[in-house]
């Protein structure tokens, strides 16, 4: 299947970062962690949820295991400022992607990112690649090595 422009952008960004992986376009939606796990044949915990929050005027990206929920109070304490779930227009402005397809890479500007350490227990995780039907597999260490990343244990649970 042909990749969208957003998915091609993610593919190019991954390759520029030295990751030789392929963005996969699926027939089934990957908008939710459960849908994505079913579509790729992995556990929900191996799905990377890319969640955007608003901290003041700027974004915070949390890469959480699909099995976990983000504790917004803990996240606010880590960030040092009140946070709120970002609206769709804010998410698109800062990431370039729509909710349900936010990739952990390829944003217009670097975004402060927190990685749920629960992802690190897996050999392979799956993340969104720019749309609700596109994903890519990578090691969780790759996600933790991205710029402006903080590994956190207590932000999700």
Protein backbone atom coordinates (compact mmCIF):
# COMPACT_ATOMS: atom_id res chain seq x y z
CA UNK A 1 0.00 0.00 0.00
CA UNK A 2 1.14 3.51 -0.77
CA UNK A 3 2.30 5.67 2.17
CA UNK A 4 0.86 9.12 2.86
CA UNK A 5 3.09 12.20 2.81
CA UNK A 6 3.12 12.19 6.65
CA UNK A 7 4.17 8.54 6.78
CA UNK A 8 6.91 9.20 4.19
CA UNK A 9 8.10 12.10 6.36
CA UNK A 10 8.32 9.80 9.38
CA UNK A 11 10.17 7.18 7.29
CA UNK A 12 12.66 9.80 6.11
CA UNK A 13 13.18 11.14 9.62
CA UNK A 14 13.80 7.65 11.00
CA UNK A 15 16.36 6.96 8.29
CA UNK A 16 18.05 10.32 8.91
CA UNK A 17 18.33 9.31 12.57
CA UNK A 18 20.06 6.09 11.52
CA UNK A 19 17.16 3.71 12.07
CA UNK A 20 16.71 1.26 9.20
CA UNK A 21 13.02 0.46 9.67
CA UNK A 22 10.03 0.58 7.41
CA UNK A 23 6.80 2.39 8.08
CA UNK A 24 3.95 -0.06 7.63
CA UNK A 25 0.50 0.89 6.37
CA UNK A 26 -2.20 -1.37 7.77
CA UNK A 27 -5.74 -2.06 6.66
CA UNK A 28 -6.93 -1.79 10.26
CA UNK A 29 -6.92 1.39 12.34
CA UNK A 30 -4.13 1.92 14.86
CA UNK A 31 -5.75 4.96 16.46
CA UNK A 32 -5.97 3.31 19.90
CA UNK A 33 -3.42 1.10 21.66
CA UNK A 34 -5.79 -1.87 21.58
CA UNK A 35 -6.45 -1.43 17.84
CA UNK A 36 -2.74 -1.09 17.12
CA UNK A 37 -1.82 -4.18 19.16
CA UNK A 38 -4.46 -6.22 17.36
CA UNK A 39 -3.35 -4.94 13.96
CA UNK A 40 0.37 -5.68 14.41
CA UNK A 41 0.03 -8.78 16.58
CA UNK A 42 1.75 -7.65 19.76
CA UNK A 43 0.75 -6.92 23.35
CA UNK A 44 -0.89 -3.62 24.27
CA UNK A 45 2.16 -2.85 26.43
CA UNK A 46 4.35 -2.82 23.30
CA UNK A 47 2.34 0.00 21.74
CA UNK A 48 3.81 3.48 22.17
CA UNK A 49 1.12 6.01 22.96
CA UNK A 50 2.30 9.46 21.86
CA UNK A 51 0.37 11.89 24.06
CA UNK A 52 0.73 15.65 23.84
CA UNK A 53 0.12 17.95 26.78
CA UNK A 54 0.17 21.71 27.05
CA UNK A 55 2.57 23.12 29.64
CA UNK A 56 2.11 26.87 29.63
CA UNK A 57 2.34 27.86 25.98
CA UNK A 58 4.48 24.92 24.90
CA UNK A 59 4.07 21.20 24.30
CA UNK A 60 5.18 18.16 26.29
CA UNK A 61 5.22 14.76 24.58
CA UNK A 62 4.79 11.58 26.61
CA UNK A 63 5.67 8.25 25.02
CA UNK A 64 3.78 5.81 27.23
CA UNK A 65 3.23 2.09 27.12
CA UNK A 66 -0.19 1.29 25.70
CA UNK A 67 -0.92 -0.61 28.91
CA UNK A 68 -0.49 2.51 31.06
CA UNK A 69 -2.32 5.73 31.74
CA UNK A 70 -0.47 9.01 32.24
CA UNK A 71 -0.82 10.46 35.72
CA UNK A 72 -1.24 14.14 34.89
CA UNK A 73 -0.45 15.30 38.44
CA UNK A 74 2.84 13.40 38.40
CA UNK A 75 3.66 14.77 34.96
CA UNK A 76 2.95 18.34 36.12
CA UNK A 77 5.27 17.80 39.09
CA UNK A 78 8.03 16.56 36.78
CA UNK A 79 7.53 19.43 34.37
CA UNK A 80 7.31 21.99 37.16
CA UNK A 81 4.22 23.70 35.80
CA UNK A 82 0.52 22.89 35.46
CA UNK A 83 -0.31 20.84 32.38
CA UNK A 84 -3.45 20.05 30.45
CA UNK A 85 -4.40 17.71 27.63
CA UNK A 86 -3.68 19.45 24.35
CA UNK A 87 -6.45 20.23 21.91
CA UNK A 88 -6.29 18.86 18.39
CA UNK A 89 -5.16 22.14 16.79
CA UNK A 90 -2.34 22.52 19.36
CA UNK A 91 -1.19 18.94 18.74
CA UNK A 92 -1.10 19.46 14.98
CA UNK A 93 0.68 22.83 15.33
CA UNK A 94 3.52 21.45 17.44
CA UNK A 95 3.87 17.90 16.08
CA UNK A 96 2.64 18.20 12.50
CA UNK A 97 0.34 15.22 13.08
CA UNK A 98 -3.28 14.67 14.06
CA UNK A 99 -4.25 12.98 17.31
CA UNK A 100 -4.23 9.22 16.76
CA UNK A 101 -1.23 9.37 14.45
CA UNK A 102 1.37 11.39 16.38
CA UNK A 103 4.80 9.96 15.66
CA UNK A 104 7.58 10.30 18.23
CA UNK A 105 9.81 11.87 15.53
CA UNK A 106 9.60 14.38 12.69
CA UNK A 107 8.14 17.35 14.54
CA UNK A 108 8.68 20.89 13.21
CA UNK A 109 10.73 21.74 16.35
CA UNK A 110 12.17 19.53 19.12
CA UNK A 111 9.63 18.79 21.86
CA UNK A 112 10.48 18.01 25.47
CA UNK A 113 9.67 14.30 25.71
CA UNK A 114 9.13 11.87 28.57
CA UNK A 115 9.49 8.12 27.93
CA UNK A 116 7.62 5.64 30.12
CA UNK A 117 10.29 3.23 31.42
CA UNK A 118 7.78 0.37 31.16
CA UNK A 119 8.48 0.43 27.41
CA UNK A 120 12.12 -0.51 28.08
CA UNK A 121 11.20 -4.05 29.12
CA UNK A 122 10.37 -4.97 25.52
CA UNK A 123 12.73 -5.86 22.72
CA UNK A 124 10.45 -4.21 20.18
CA UNK A 125 7.74 -1.57 20.44
CA UNK A 126 5.39 -0.09 17.84
CA UNK A 127 4.77 3.63 17.40
CA UNK A 128 2.48 5.74 15.23
CA UNK A 129 3.92 6.94 11.95
CA UNK A 130 1.92 10.01 11.05
CA UNK A 131 -1.61 8.63 10.63
CA UNK A 132 -4.19 6.26 12.10
CA UNK A 133 -3.17 3.39 9.80
CA UNK A 134 0.64 3.70 9.81
CA UNK A 135 3.13 2.38 12.37
CA UNK A 136 6.77 1.41 12.72
CA UNK A 137 8.65 -0.97 14.99
CA UNK A 138 11.79 0.00 16.87
CA UNK A 139 13.67 -0.74 20.04
CA UNK A 140 12.54 1.26 23.05
CA UNK A 141 16.17 2.30 23.51
CA UNK A 142 15.87 4.22 20.24
CA UNK A 143 12.98 6.25 21.67
CA UNK A 144 14.90 6.88 24.88
CA UNK A 145 17.89 8.13 22.86
CA UNK A 146 15.98 10.88 21.06
CA UNK A 147 16.94 14.46 21.94
CA UNK A 148 15.25 16.24 24.85
CA UNK A 149 14.07 12.91 26.34
CA UNK A 150 13.61 12.14 30.01
CA UNK A 151 13.03 8.55 31.12
CA UNK A 152 10.33 8.37 33.76
CA UNK A 153 8.91 5.61 35.88
CA UNK A 154 6.24 7.43 37.78
CA UNK A 155 4.46 9.40 35.06
CA UNK A 156 2.46 6.38 33.94
CA UNK A 157 1.00 3.45 35.74
